[in-house]
C-alpha atoms as a PDB file:
ATOM      1  CA  MET A   1      13.543 -23.560   2.890  1.00  0.00           C
ATOM      2  CA  ALA A   2       9.910 -24.455   2.518  1.00  0.00           C
ATOM      3  CA  GLU A   3       7.743 -23.080  -0.238  1.00  0.00           C
ATOM      4  CA  ASN A   4       5.299 -20.294   0.545  1.00  0.00           C
ATOM      5  CA  PRO A   5       2.982 -21.816   3.157  1.00  0.00           C
ATOM      6  CA  ASP A   6      -0.492 -23.049   2.355  1.00  0.00           C
ATOM      7  CA  MET A   7      -2.970 -20.530   3.619  1.00  0.00           C
ATOM      8  CA  LEU A   8      -5.632 -21.255   6.186  1.00  0.00           C
ATOM      9  CA  PRO A   9      -8.861 -22.181   4.363  1.00  0.00           C
ATOM     10  CA  ILE A  10     -11.568 -19.565   4.870  1.00  0.00           C
ATOM     11  CA  LYS A  11     -14.939 -21.073   5.724  1.00  0.00           C
ATOM     12  CA  ALA A  12     -18.236 -19.430   4.892  1.00  0.00           C
ATOM     13  CA  ASN A  13     -19.111 -19.026   8.576  1.00  0.00           C
ATOM     14  CA  ASP A  14     -15.667 -17.823   9.707  1.00  0.00           C
ATOM     15  CA  PRO A  15     -16.354 -14.792  11.977  1.00  0.00           C
ATOM     16  CA  ASN A  16     -13.047 -13.171  10.961  1.00  0.00           C
ATOM     17  CA  TYR A  17     -14.085 -12.661   7.344  1.00  0.00           C
ATOM     18  CA  LYS A  18     -16.979 -11.512   5.229  1.00  0.00           C
ATOM     19  CA  ILE A  19     -16.687 -12.846   1.685  1.00  0.00           C
ATOM     20  CA  SER A  20     -18.835 -12.261  -1.375  1.00  0.00           C
ATOM     21  CA  THR A  21     -18.495 -12.866  -5.107  1.00  0.00           C
ATOM     22  CA  MET A  22     -19.829 -10.822  -7.979  1.00  0.00           C
ATOM     23  CA  HIS A  23     -19.492 -10.454 -11.722  1.00  0.00           C
ATOM     24  CA  HIS A  24     -20.234  -8.122 -14.591  1.00  0.00           C
ATOM     25  CA  GLY A  25     -19.888  -9.379 -18.138  1.00  0.00           C
ATOM     26  CA  ASN A  26     -16.517 -11.111 -18.443  1.00  0.00           C
ATOM     27  CA  VAL A  27     -15.155  -9.741 -15.169  1.00  0.00           C
ATOM     28  CA  HIS A  28     -15.419 -11.871 -12.039  1.00  0.00           C
ATOM     29  CA  ALA A  29     -14.450 -10.604  -8.607  1.00  0.00           C
ATOM     30  CA  LEU A  30     -14.060 -11.819  -5.053  1.00  0.00           C
ATOM     31  CA  THR A  31     -14.299  -9.365  -2.168  1.00  0.00           C
ATOM     32  CA  MET A  32     -13.022 -10.016   1.340  1.00  0.00           C
ATOM     33  CA  ASP A  33     -13.673  -7.855   4.388  1.00  0.00           C
ATOM     34  CA  ILE A  34     -11.408  -8.530   7.377  1.00  0.00           C
ATOM     35  CA  VAL A  35     -13.347  -8.071  10.596  1.00  0.00           C
ATOM     36  CA  GLY A  36     -11.661  -6.305  13.500  1.00  0.00           C
ATOM     37  CA  LEU A  37      -8.735  -4.799  11.593  1.00  0.00           C
ATOM     38  CA  GLN A  38     -10.351  -1.627  10.312  1.00  0.00           C
ATOM     39  CA  GLU A  39      -7.766   0.574  12.011  1.00  0.00           C
ATOM     40  CA  THR A  40      -4.622  -1.294  10.947  1.00  0.00           C
ATOM     41  CA  PHE A  41      -5.533  -3.080   7.724  1.00  0.00           C
ATOM     42  CA  PRO A  42      -7.116  -2.047   4.434  1.00  0.00           C
ATOM     43  CA  ILE A  43     -10.750  -2.925   5.009  1.00  0.00           C
ATOM     44  CA  LYS A  44     -11.501  -4.485   1.655  1.00  0.00           C
ATOM     45  CA  TYR A  45      -9.538  -6.487  -0.904  1.00  0.00           C
ATOM     46  CA  ILE A  46     -10.748  -6.981  -4.455  1.00  0.00           C
ATOM     47  CA  THR A  47      -9.213  -9.716  -6.595  1.00  0.00           C
ATOM     48  CA  ILE A  48     -10.140 -10.064 -10.249  1.00  0.00           C
ATOM     49  CA  PHE A  49      -9.424 -13.630 -11.295  1.00  0.00           C
ATOM     50  CA  SER A  50     -10.912 -13.591 -14.791  1.00  0.00           C
ATOM     51  CA  ALA A  51     -11.283 -10.858 -17.387  1.00  0.00           C
ATOM     52  CA  LYS A  52     -11.884 -11.909 -20.994  1.00  0.00           C
ATOM     53  CA  ASN A  53      -9.638 -14.943 -20.423  1.00  0.00           C
ATOM     54  CA  ARG A  54      -6.673 -12.694 -19.590  1.00  0.00           C
ATOM     55  CA  PRO A  55      -4.924 -12.781 -16.215  1.00  0.00           C
ATOM     56  CA  MET A  56      -5.311  -9.308 -14.732  1.00  0.00           C
ATOM     57  CA  GLN A  57      -4.992  -7.758 -11.302  1.00  0.00           C
ATOM     58  CA  TYR A  58      -7.151  -4.943 -10.015  1.00  0.00           C
ATOM     59  CA  HIS A  59      -7.439  -2.983  -6.810  1.00  0.00           C
ATOM     60  CA  LEU A  60     -10.482  -1.016  -5.696  1.00  0.00           C
ATOM     61  CA  THR A  61     -10.178   1.635  -3.020  1.00  0.00           C
ATOM     62  CA  SER A  62     -11.550   0.578   0.354  1.00  0.00           C
ATOM     63  CA  ILE A  63     -14.001   3.451   0.689  1.00  0.00           C
ATOM     64  CA  ILE A  64     -16.344   4.049  -2.230  1.00  0.00           C
ATOM     65  CA  SER A  65     -19.566   6.001  -2.291  1.00  0.00           C
ATOM     66  CA  ASN A  66     -21.676   3.357  -4.040  1.00  0.00           C
ATOM     67  CA  PRO A  67     -21.868  -0.432  -3.802  1.00  0.00           C
ATOM     68  CA  THR A  68     -18.846  -2.219  -5.238  1.00  0.00           C
ATOM     69  CA  GLU A  69     -20.956  -3.996  -7.846  1.00  0.00           C
ATOM     70  CA  ARG A  70     -21.627  -0.707  -9.626  1.00  0.00           C
ATOM     71  CA  HIS A  71     -17.916  -0.231 -10.304  1.00  0.00           C
ATOM     72  CA  LEU A  72     -17.259  -3.622 -11.884  1.00  0.00           C
ATOM     73  CA  GLU A  73     -18.662  -2.506 -15.224  1.00  0.00           C
ATOM     74  CA  LYS A  74     -15.902   0.122 -15.386  1.00  0.00           C
ATOM     75  CA  LEU A  75     -13.209  -2.510 -14.794  1.00  0.00           C
ATOM     76  CA  ASP A  76     -14.283  -4.272 -17.967  1.00  0.00           C
ATOM     77  CA  GLY A  77     -13.266  -1.183 -19.926  1.00  0.00           C
ATOM     78  CA  ILE A  78      -9.484  -0.981 -19.299  1.00  0.00           C
ATOM     79  CA  VAL A  79      -7.640  -2.985 -21.960  1.00  0.00           C
ATOM     80  CA  TRP A  80      -3.836  -3.163 -22.128  1.00  0.00           C
ATOM     81  CA  LYS A  81      -2.573  -2.857 -25.716  1.00  0.00           C
ATOM     82  CA  ASP A  82       1.169  -2.759 -25.032  1.00  0.00           C
ATOM     83  CA  VAL A  83       3.058  -3.543 -21.824  1.00  0.00           C
ATOM     84  CA  PRO A  84       6.747  -4.164 -21.045  1.00  0.00           C
ATOM     85  CA  GLN A  85       8.054  -7.712 -20.759  1.00  0.00           C
ATOM     86  CA  ARG A  86       7.902  -9.283 -17.304  1.00  0.00           C
ATOM     87  CA  SER A  87      11.704  -9.021 -17.147  1.00  0.00           C
ATOM     88  CA  MET A  88      14.125  -6.855 -19.142  1.00  0.00           C
ATOM     89  CA  PHE A  89      17.923  -7.057 -19.029  1.00  0.00           C
ATOM     90  CA  PHE A  90      20.416  -4.478 -20.227  1.00  0.00           C
ATOM     91  CA  GLU A  91      24.177  -4.056 -20.448  1.00  0.00           C
ATOM     92  CA  GLN A  92      26.091  -1.056 -19.136  1.00  0.00           C
ATOM     93  CA  SER A  93      25.408   2.139 -21.160  1.00  0.00           C
ATOM     94  CA  GLN A  94      22.600   0.602 -23.213  1.00  0.00           C
ATOM     95  CA  THR A  95      19.288   2.394 -23.814  1.00  0.00           C
ATOM     96  CA  VAL A  96      16.265   0.986 -21.986  1.00  0.00           C
ATOM     97  CA  THR A  97      12.789   1.650 -23.412  1.00  0.00           C
ATOM     98  CA  ILE A  98       9.576   1.047 -21.479  1.00  0.00           C
ATOM     99  CA  SER A  99       6.248   1.477 -23.253  1.00  0.00           C
ATOM    100  CA  CYS A 100       2.721   1.309 -21.829  1.00  0.00           C
ATOM    101  CA  VAL A 101      -0.471   1.602 -23.898  1.00  0.00           C
ATOM    102  CA  ALA A 102      -3.984   1.165 -22.494  1.00  0.00           C
ATOM    103  CA  ASP A 103      -7.449   1.740 -23.953  1.00  0.00           C
ATOM    104  CA  PHE A 104     -10.021   3.213 -21.576  1.00  0.00           C
ATOM    105  CA  GLU A 105     -13.227   1.984 -23.200  1.00  0.00           C
ATOM    106  CA  SER A 106     -15.531   3.697 -20.703  1.00  0.00           C
ATOM    107  CA  TYR A 107     -14.914   7.259 -19.586  1.00  0.00           C
ATOM    108  CA  SER A 108     -14.995   7.848 -15.827  1.00  0.00           C
ATOM    109  CA  GLY A 109     -14.003  11.514 -15.736  1.00  0.00           C
ATOM    110  CA  GLU A 110     -10.921  13.645 -15.253  1.00  0.00           C
ATOM    111  CA  THR A 111      -9.377  11.029 -12.950  1.00  0.00           C
ATOM    112  CA  ASP A 112      -8.500   8.689 -15.854  1.00  0.00           C
ATOM    113  CA  GLU A 113      -4.715   8.471 -16.170  1.00  0.00           C
ATOM    114  CA  LEU A 114      -1.837   6.154 -17.009  1.00  0.00           C
ATOM    115  CA  ARG A 115       1.236   6.333 -14.769  1.00  0.00           C
ATOM    116  CA  LEU A 116       4.692   4.766 -14.760  1.00  0.00           C
ATOM    117  CA  LEU A 117       6.258   4.028 -11.365  1.00  0.00           C
ATOM    118  CA  ARG A 118       9.731   2.806 -10.402  1.00  0.00           C
ATOM    119  CA  THR A 119      10.297   0.690  -7.293  1.00  0.00           C
ATOM    120  CA  GLN A 120      13.757   0.315  -5.759  1.00  0.00           C
ATOM    121  CA  ILE A 121      15.150  -0.665  -2.367  1.00  0.00           C
ATOM    122  CA  GLU A 122      17.550   1.234  -0.119  1.00  0.00           C
ATOM    123  CA  ARG A 123      19.983  -1.222   1.458  1.00  0.00           C
ATOM    124  CA  ILE A 124      20.968  -1.013   5.108  1.00  0.00           C
ATOM    125  CA  ARG A 125      22.200  -3.416   7.787  1.00  0.00           C
ATOM    126  CA  LYS A 126      24.761  -5.472   5.867  1.00  0.00           C
ATOM    127  CA  ASN A 127      22.564  -5.813   2.780  1.00  0.00           C
ATOM    128  CA  ARG A 128      20.002  -8.030   4.532  1.00  0.00           C
ATOM    129  CA  TYR A 129      17.402  -5.374   5.101  1.00  0.00           C
ATOM    130  CA  GLY A 130      16.094  -2.282   3.396  1.00  0.00           C
ATOM    131  CA  PHE A 131      13.234   0.081   2.699  1.00  0.00           C
ATOM    132  CA  ILE A 132      11.288  -0.223  -0.533  1.00  0.00           C
ATOM    133  CA  LYS A 133      10.578   3.075  -2.256  1.00  0.00           C
ATOM    134  CA  THR A 134       8.243   3.724  -5.175  1.00  0.00           C
ATOM    135  CA  VAL A 135       8.530   6.985  -7.114  1.00  0.00           C
ATOM    136  CA  PRO A 136       6.649   8.281 -10.177  1.00  0.00           C
ATOM    137  CA  CYS A 137       8.446   8.485 -13.519  1.00  0.00           C
ATOM    138  CA  GLY A 138       5.640  10.318 -15.300  1.00  0.00           C
ATOM    139  CA  PHE A 139       1.998  10.092 -16.323  1.00  0.00           C
ATOM    140  CA  VAL A 140      -0.531  10.874 -19.032  1.00  0.00           C
ATOM    141  CA  ALA A 141      -4.068  12.061 -18.280  1.00  0.00           C
ATOM    142  CA  THR A 142      -7.134  13.093 -20.241  1.00  0.00           C
ATOM    143  CA  ARG A 143      -6.921  16.636 -18.926  1.00  0.00           C
ATOM    144  CA  TYR A 144      -3.334  17.188 -20.181  1.00  0.00           C
ATOM    145  CA  GLY A 145      -3.347  15.628 -23.650  1.00  0.00           C
ATOM    146  CA  GLU A 146       0.154  15.411 -25.168  1.00  0.00           C
ATOM    147  CA  TYR A 147       3.350  15.872 -23.155  1.00  0.00           C
ATOM    148  CA  TRP A 148       7.081  15.296 -23.577  1.00  0.00           C
ATOM    149  CA  GLU A 149      10.188  15.855 -21.476  1.00  0.00           C
ATOM    150  CA  GLU A 150      13.904  15.336 -22.091  1.00  0.00           C
ATOM    151  CA  THR A 151      16.959  15.447 -19.824  1.00  0.00           C
ATOM    152  CA  SER A 152      20.562  14.367 -20.308  1.00  0.00           C
ATOM    153  CA  LYS A 153      19.606  10.774 -19.487  1.00  0.00           C
ATOM    154  CA  VAL A 154      15.819  10.387 -19.629  1.00  0.00           C
ATOM    155  CA  TRP A 155      13.349  11.001 -22.439  1.00  0.00           C
ATOM    156  CA  LEU A 156       9.607  10.552 -22.061  1.00  0.00           C
ATOM    157  CA  THR A 157       6.559  11.246 -24.157  1.00  0.00           C
ATOM    158  CA  SER A 158       2.866  10.726 -23.509  1.00  0.00           C
ATOM    159  CA  ARG A 159      -0.427  11.457 -25.216  1.00  0.00           C
ATOM    160  CA  VAL A 160      -4.112  10.551 -25.309  1.00  0.00           C
ATOM    161  CA  LEU A 161      -5.821   9.627 -28.590  1.00  0.00           C
ATOM    162  CA  GLU A 162      -9.577   9.417 -29.125  1.00  0.00           C
ATOM    163  CA  LEU A 163     -10.406   6.283 -31.124  1.00  0.00           C
ATOM    164  CA  ASP A 164     -13.253   5.820 -33.595  1.00  0.00           C
ATOM    165  CA  ASN A 165     -15.113   3.569 -31.143  1.00  0.00           C
ATOM    166  CA  GLY A 166     -15.153   6.342 -28.539  1.00  0.00           C
ATOM    167  CA  ALA A 167     -12.411   4.879 -26.349  1.00  0.00           C
ATOM    168  CA  ASN A 168      -9.399   6.902 -25.225  1.00  0.00           C
ATOM    169  CA  ARG A 169      -5.972   5.374 -25.904  1.00  0.00           C
ATOM    170  CA  PHE A 170      -3.303   6.365 -23.379  1.00  0.00           C
ATOM    171  CA  ASN A 171       0.311   6.091 -24.607  1.00  0.00           C
ATOM    172  CA  PHE A 172       3.402   6.452 -22.443  1.00  0.00           C
ATOM    173  CA  THR A 173       7.035   5.862 -23.499  1.00  0.00           C
ATOM    174  CA  PHE A 174      10.005   6.180 -21.150  1.00  0.00           C
ATOM    175  CA  LYS A 175      13.634   5.879 -22.322  1.00  0.00           C
ATOM    176  CA  ILE A 176      16.798   5.747 -20.220  1.00  0.00           C
ATOM    177  CA  SER A 177      20.034   6.346 -22.113  1.00  0.00           C
ATOM    178  CA  ASN A 178      23.411   5.156 -20.806  1.00  0.00           C
ATOM    179  CA  ALA A 179      21.603   2.887 -18.337  1.00  0.00           C
ATOM    180  CA  SER A 180      23.573   1.775 -15.286  1.00  0.00           C
ATOM    181  CA  GLN A 181      23.084  -0.229 -12.110  1.00  0.00           C
ATOM    182  CA  GLU A 182      21.318   2.668 -10.393  1.00  0.00           C
ATOM    183  CA  ASP A 183      18.540   2.463 -13.008  1.00  0.00           C
ATOM    184  CA  GLN A 184      17.557  -1.085 -12.009  1.00  0.00           C
ATOM    185  CA  GLY A 185      14.208  -1.734 -10.384  1.00  0.00           C
ATOM    186  CA  ILE A 186      10.601  -2.707 -10.948  1.00  0.00           C
ATOM    187  CA  PHE A 187       8.796  -0.495 -13.436  1.00  0.00           C
ATOM    188  CA  THR A 188       5.013  -0.539 -13.118  1.00  0.00           C
ATOM    189  CA  CYS A 189       2.409   0.682 -15.590  1.00  0.00           C
ATOM    190  CA  ALA A 190      -0.692   1.705 -13.627  1.00  0.00           C
ATOM    191  CA  ALA A 191      -3.990   2.531 -15.329  1.00  0.00           C
ATOM    192  CA  GLU A 192      -6.047   4.451 -12.784  1.00  0.00           C
ATOM    193  CA  ARG A 193      -9.576   5.734 -12.381  1.00  0.00           C
ATOM    194  CA  GLU A 194     -11.388   7.328  -9.489  1.00  0.00           C
ATOM    195  CA  HIS A 195     -12.090   4.052  -7.682  1.00  0.00           C
ATOM    196  CA  ASP A 196     -10.013   1.368  -9.391  1.00  0.00           C
ATOM    197  CA  LYS A 197      -6.534   0.645 -10.722  1.00  0.00           C
ATOM    198  CA  THR A 198      -4.881  -2.067 -12.779  1.00  0.00           C
ATOM    199  CA  PHE A 199      -1.139  -2.744 -12.739  1.00  0.00           C
ATOM    200  CA  VAL A 200       1.439  -4.413 -15.001  1.00  0.00           C
ATOM    201  CA  SER A 201       5.020  -4.678 -13.704  1.00  0.00           C
ATOM    202  CA  SER A 202       8.427  -5.466 -15.233  1.00  0.00           C
ATOM    203  CA  TRP A 203      11.789  -6.219 -13.624  1.00  0.00           C
ATOM    204  CA  VAL A 204      14.496  -4.099 -15.304  1.00  0.00           C
ATOM    205  CA  LYS A 205      17.959  -5.342 -14.411  1.00  0.00           C
ATOM    206  CA  GLN A 206      21.561  -4.955 -15.521  1.00  0.00           C
ATOM    207  CA  GLY A 207      23.067  -8.210 -16.795  1.00  0.00           C
ATOM    208  CA  ARG A 208      21.527 -11.671 -16.782  1.00  0.00           C
ATOM    209  CA  PRO A 209      22.263 -12.965 -13.264  1.00  0.00           C
ATOM    210  CA  GLY A 210      19.576 -12.575 -10.641  1.00  0.00           C
ATOM    211  CA  SER A 211      19.919 -10.844  -7.314  1.00  0.00           C
ATOM    212  CA  LYS A 212      19.792 -12.146  -3.770  1.00  0.00           C
ATOM    213  CA  PRO A 213      16.586 -10.993  -2.052  1.00  0.00           C
ATOM    214  CA  LEU A 214      16.434  -8.151   0.430  1.00  0.00           C
ATOM    215  CA  ILE A 215      13.652  -7.767   2.989  1.00  0.00           C
ATOM    216  CA  GLU A 216      11.443  -4.934   4.191  1.00  0.00           C
ATOM    217  CA  LEU A 217       9.469  -5.372   7.433  1.00  0.00           C
ATOM    218  CA  VAL A 218       6.332  -3.244   7.833  1.00  0.00           C
ATOM    219  CA  PRO A 219       4.394  -3.548  11.123  1.00  0.00           C
ATOM    220  CA  CYS A 220       0.689  -2.840  10.648  1.00  0.00           C
ATOM    221  CA  ASP A 221       0.584  -0.757  13.844  1.00  0.00           C
ATOM    222  CA  GLY A 222       2.602   1.989  12.184  1.00  0.00           C
ATOM    223  CA  THR A 223       5.944   1.302  13.907  1.00  0.00           C
ATOM    224  CA  ASN A 224       8.588   2.896  11.701  1.00  0.00           C
ATOM    225  CA  PHE A 225      11.652   0.666  11.363  1.00  0.00           C
ATOM    226  CA  GLN A 226      13.396   3.463   9.483  1.00  0.00           C
ATOM    227  CA  ASP A 227      13.788   4.969  12.948  1.00  0.00           C
ATOM    228  CA  ARG A 228      16.989   3.232  14.066  1.00  0.00           C
ATOM    229  CA  THR A 229      15.814   3.338  17.701  1.00  0.00           C
ATOM    230  CA  ALA A 230      12.973   0.904  16.919  1.00  0.00           C
ATOM    231  CA  ARG A 231      15.452  -2.013  16.593  1.00  0.00           C
ATOM    232  CA  ASN A 232      12.830  -4.304  15.016  1.00  0.00           C
ATOM    233  CA  GLN A 233      10.735  -4.306  18.190  1.00  0.00           C
ATOM    234  CA  ILE A 234       6.980  -4.860  17.750  1.00  0.00           C
ATOM    235  CA  THR A 235       4.479  -4.493  20.585  1.00  0.00           C
ATOM    236  CA  LEU A 236       1.103  -6.252  20.409  1.00  0.00           C
ATOM    237  CA  LYS A 237      -1.817  -5.508  22.697  1.00  0.00           C
ATOM    238  CA  LYS A 238      -3.765  -8.415  24.135  1.00  0.00           C
ATOM    239  CA  GLN A 239      -6.940  -9.267  22.229  1.00  0.00           C
ATOM    240  CA  ASN A 240      -6.264  -6.531  19.636  1.00  0.00           C
ATOM    241  CA  PRO A 241      -5.733  -8.013  16.138  1.00  0.00           C
ATOM    242  CA  ASN A 242      -2.527  -6.871  14.460  1.00  0.00           C
ATOM    243  CA  CYS A 243      -0.153  -7.951  11.718  1.00  0.00           C
ATOM    244  CA  ILE A 244       3.401  -7.750  10.342  1.00  0.00           C
ATOM    245  CA  ARG A 245       4.108  -7.500   6.620  1.00  0.00           C
ATOM    246  CA  CYS A 246       7.323  -8.909   5.153  1.00  0.00           C
ATOM    247  CA  ARG A 247       8.216  -7.848   1.592  1.00  0.00           C
ATOM    248  CA  SER A 248      10.971  -9.344  -0.541  1.00  0.00           C
ATOM    249  CA  PHE A 249      12.876  -7.427  -3.217  1.00  0.00           C
ATOM    250  CA  GLY A 250      15.024  -9.515  -5.566  1.00  0.00           C
ATOM    251  CA  TYR A 251      15.076 -11.296  -8.917  1.00  0.00           C
ATOM    252  CA  PRO A 252      13.667 -13.836  -9.451  1.00  0.00           C
ATOM    253  CA  ASN A 253      10.902 -13.503  -6.855  1.00  0.00           C
ATOM    254  CA  ALA A 254      11.645 -15.263  -3.592  1.00  0.00           C
ATOM    255  CA  ARG A 255       9.942 -17.985  -1.587  1.00  0.00           C
ATOM    256  CA  MET A 256       9.130 -16.691   1.877  1.00  0.00           C
ATOM    257  CA  ASN A 257       8.172 -17.822   5.361  1.00  0.00           C
ATOM    258  CA  PHE A 258       7.987 -16.659   8.957  1.00  0.00           C
ATOM    259  CA  LYS A 259       9.752 -18.485  11.786  1.00  0.00           C
ATOM    260  CA  LYS A 260       9.515 -18.359  15.556  1.00  0.00           C
ATOM    261  CA  ALA A 261      12.540 -19.626  17.494  1.00  0.00           C
ATOM    262  CA  GLY A 262      13.774 -21.268  14.281  1.00  0.00           C
ATOM    263  CA  THR A 263      10.536 -23.156  13.526  1.00  0.00           C
ATOM    264  CA  ILE A 264       8.483 -22.357  10.425  1.00  0.00           C
ATOM    265  CA  LEU A 265       5.061 -20.962  11.311  1.00  0.00           C
ATOM    266  CA  ASN A 266       1.901 -22.540   9.950  1.00  0.00           C
ATOM    267  CA  PRO A 267      -1.655 -21.163  10.090  1.00  0.00           C
ATOM    268  CA  THR A 268      -3.700 -21.758  13.248  1.00  0.00           C
ATOM    269  CA  PRO A 269      -7.088 -20.416  14.394  1.00  0.00           C
ATOM    270  CA  ASN A 270      -5.213 -17.502  16.029  1.00  0.00           C
ATOM    271  CA  LEU A 271      -2.507 -17.083  13.374  1.00  0.00           C
ATOM    272  CA  HIS A 272      -3.145 -16.224   9.736  1.00  0.00           C
ATOM    273  CA  LEU A 273      -0.580 -16.235   6.912  1.00  0.00           C
ATOM    274  CA  ASP A 274      -1.383 -14.520   3.639  1.00  0.00           C
ATOM    275  CA  PHE A 275       0.934 -14.468   0.612  1.00  0.00           C
ATOM    276  CA  HIS A 276       0.295 -12.102  -2.296  1.00  0.00           C
ATOM    277  CA  ASN A 277       1.977  -9.573  -4.566  1.00  0.00           C
ATOM    278  CA  TYR A 278       1.900  -6.035  -3.207  1.00  0.00           C
ATOM    279  CA  LEU A 279       0.823  -4.061  -6.248  1.00  0.00           C
ATOM    280  CA  MET A 280       1.497  -0.607  -4.830  1.00  0.00           C
ATOM    281  CA  LYS A 281       5.207  -1.509  -4.592  1.00  0.00           C
ATOM    282  CA  GLY A 282       5.602  -2.909  -8.080  1.00  0.00           C
ATOM    283  CA  GLY A 283       4.124  -6.309  -7.301  1.00  0.00           C
ATOM    284  CA  VAL A 284       6.861  -7.411  -4.890  1.00  0.00           C
ATOM    285  CA  PRO A 285       6.052 -10.609  -2.932  1.00  0.00           C
ATOM    286  CA  GLU A 286       4.512  -9.899   0.471  1.00  0.00           C
ATOM    287  CA  LEU A 287       3.861 -12.385   3.272  1.00  0.00           C
ATOM    288  CA  THR A 288       1.609 -11.087   6.053  1.00  0.00           C
ATOM    289  CA  LEU A 289       1.516 -12.585   9.545  1.00  0.00           C
ATOM    290  CA  THR A 290      -1.720 -11.733  11.386  1.00  0.00           C
ATOM    291  CA  PHE A 291      -2.440 -12.331  15.072  1.00  0.00           C
ATOM    292  CA  TRP A 292      -6.208 -12.454  15.617  1.00  0.00           C
ATOM    293  CA  ASN A 293      -6.090 -12.575  19.420  1.00  0.00           C
ATOM    294  CA  PRO A 294      -2.574 -11.799  20.733  1.00  0.00           C
ATOM    295  CA  ASN A 295      -1.613 -13.317  24.087  1.00  0.00           C
ATOM    296  CA  GLU A 296       1.535 -14.001  26.119  1.00  0.00           C
ATOM    297  CA  ARG A 297       2.312 -17.149  24.123  1.00  0.00           C
ATOM    298  CA  ASP A 298       2.827 -15.022  21.011  1.00  0.00           C
ATOM    299  CA  ALA A 299       5.788 -13.133  22.504  1.00  0.00           C
ATOM    300  CA  GLY A 300       9.272 -14.111  21.356  1.00  0.00           C
ATOM    301  CA  ILE A 301      11.930 -13.838  18.658  1.00  0.00           C
ATOM    302  CA  TYR A 302      10.638 -14.176  15.099  1.00  0.00           C
ATOM    303  CA  SER A 303      12.236 -13.914  11.680  1.00  0.00           C
ATOM    304  CA  CYS A 304      11.142 -13.428   8.102  1.00  0.00           C
ATOM    305  CA  GLU A 305      13.090 -15.442   5.541  1.00  0.00           C
ATOM    306  CA  ALA A 306      13.262 -15.158   1.761  1.00  0.00           C
ATOM    307  CA  GLU A 307      15.104 -17.375  -0.716  1.00  0.00           C
ATOM    308  CA  ASN A 308      15.572 -17.473  -4.473  1.00  0.00           C
ATOM    309  CA  GLU A 309      18.111 -19.076  -6.814  1.00  0.00           C
ATOM    310  CA  MET A 310      20.710 -16.443  -5.891  1.00  0.00           C
ATOM    311  CA  GLY A 311      20.643 -16.947  -2.124  1.00  0.00           C
ATOM    312  CA  SER A 312      18.642 -16.471   1.052  1.00  0.00           C
ATOM    313  CA  VAL A 313      18.222 -13.816   3.723  1.00  0.00           C
ATOM    314  CA  SER A 314      16.714 -13.766   7.217  1.00  0.00           C
ATOM    315  CA  VAL A 315      15.717 -10.692   9.239  1.00  0.00           C
ATOM    316  CA  PRO A 316      14.855 -11.166  12.947  1.00  0.00           C
ATOM    317  CA  PHE A 317      12.358  -9.136  14.960  1.00  0.00           C
ATOM    318  CA  ASN A 318      11.089  -9.289  18.518  1.00  0.00           C
ATOM    319  CA  ILE A 319       7.420  -9.361  19.537  1.00  0.00           C
ATOM    320  CA  ARG A 320       6.243  -8.513  23.018  1.00  0.00           C
ATOM    321  CA  VAL A 321       2.627  -8.616  24.209  1.00  0.00           C
ATOM    322  CA  VAL A 322       1.252  -6.137  26.747  1.00  0.00           C
END
């Protein structure tokens, strides 16, 4: 299988995009507006590619009341002090501990909070296909101060400390005792403010071997494949831009591509391929196939394929154009 495809270069005068760069202090950002997809796509993407020489990923909400530039100064004020390893392995019945610590150096109000999320996949259709689910494990916020909770299997504690320099330190610790296969997944520490978030994710897995990838297909038009009657059927309207997202869940992360009639798709002026990590689902790999101007030639049988060291998987879907 080919590596993740090279993406179509975006030119400054490309009518499909509006791109701008900005910076504040040590934070540098690139914004991209996708023209024509306001109804089916998030309008704006923000990628932070440099922050005090540390690799970090941020997301700003699409709709903000003031210009984006005014929010960059706040991004410079979230500093991770302790995060889980990128991958953690445990044996049956061991205790798993996940700790997240972040300093909020600039106060943005009651919306400041640190959350822990767990992402897992529900398998269906002979283990090739599934639905990725992300659920909260707990959070700590300025307005709640210190908190702890204990059950027969899970223990968590969280608190906010005010430091001498005026920053607030958010601490969150989550322990799973007698861990088993059902506790596997991607655990994500998310530091959140009113208009921005930063994420750090860790694969938590039983045993050392990896896992064969599973795939989730998410049409941008809202078609719900969890409805068994949908049968992976996607309908595109002529001249209306639309897209299909393919997400891969497995360890290690998979290489991905789209195929039509068995042939790997490459970018064209009408076809855009975008590969990134979907932060809201624990940073799972996501490959998006976008049709700028659908026409009859785009109809046919497609598939999304994912492959890692443990194996490969292919999920077909049918596109018709009306």
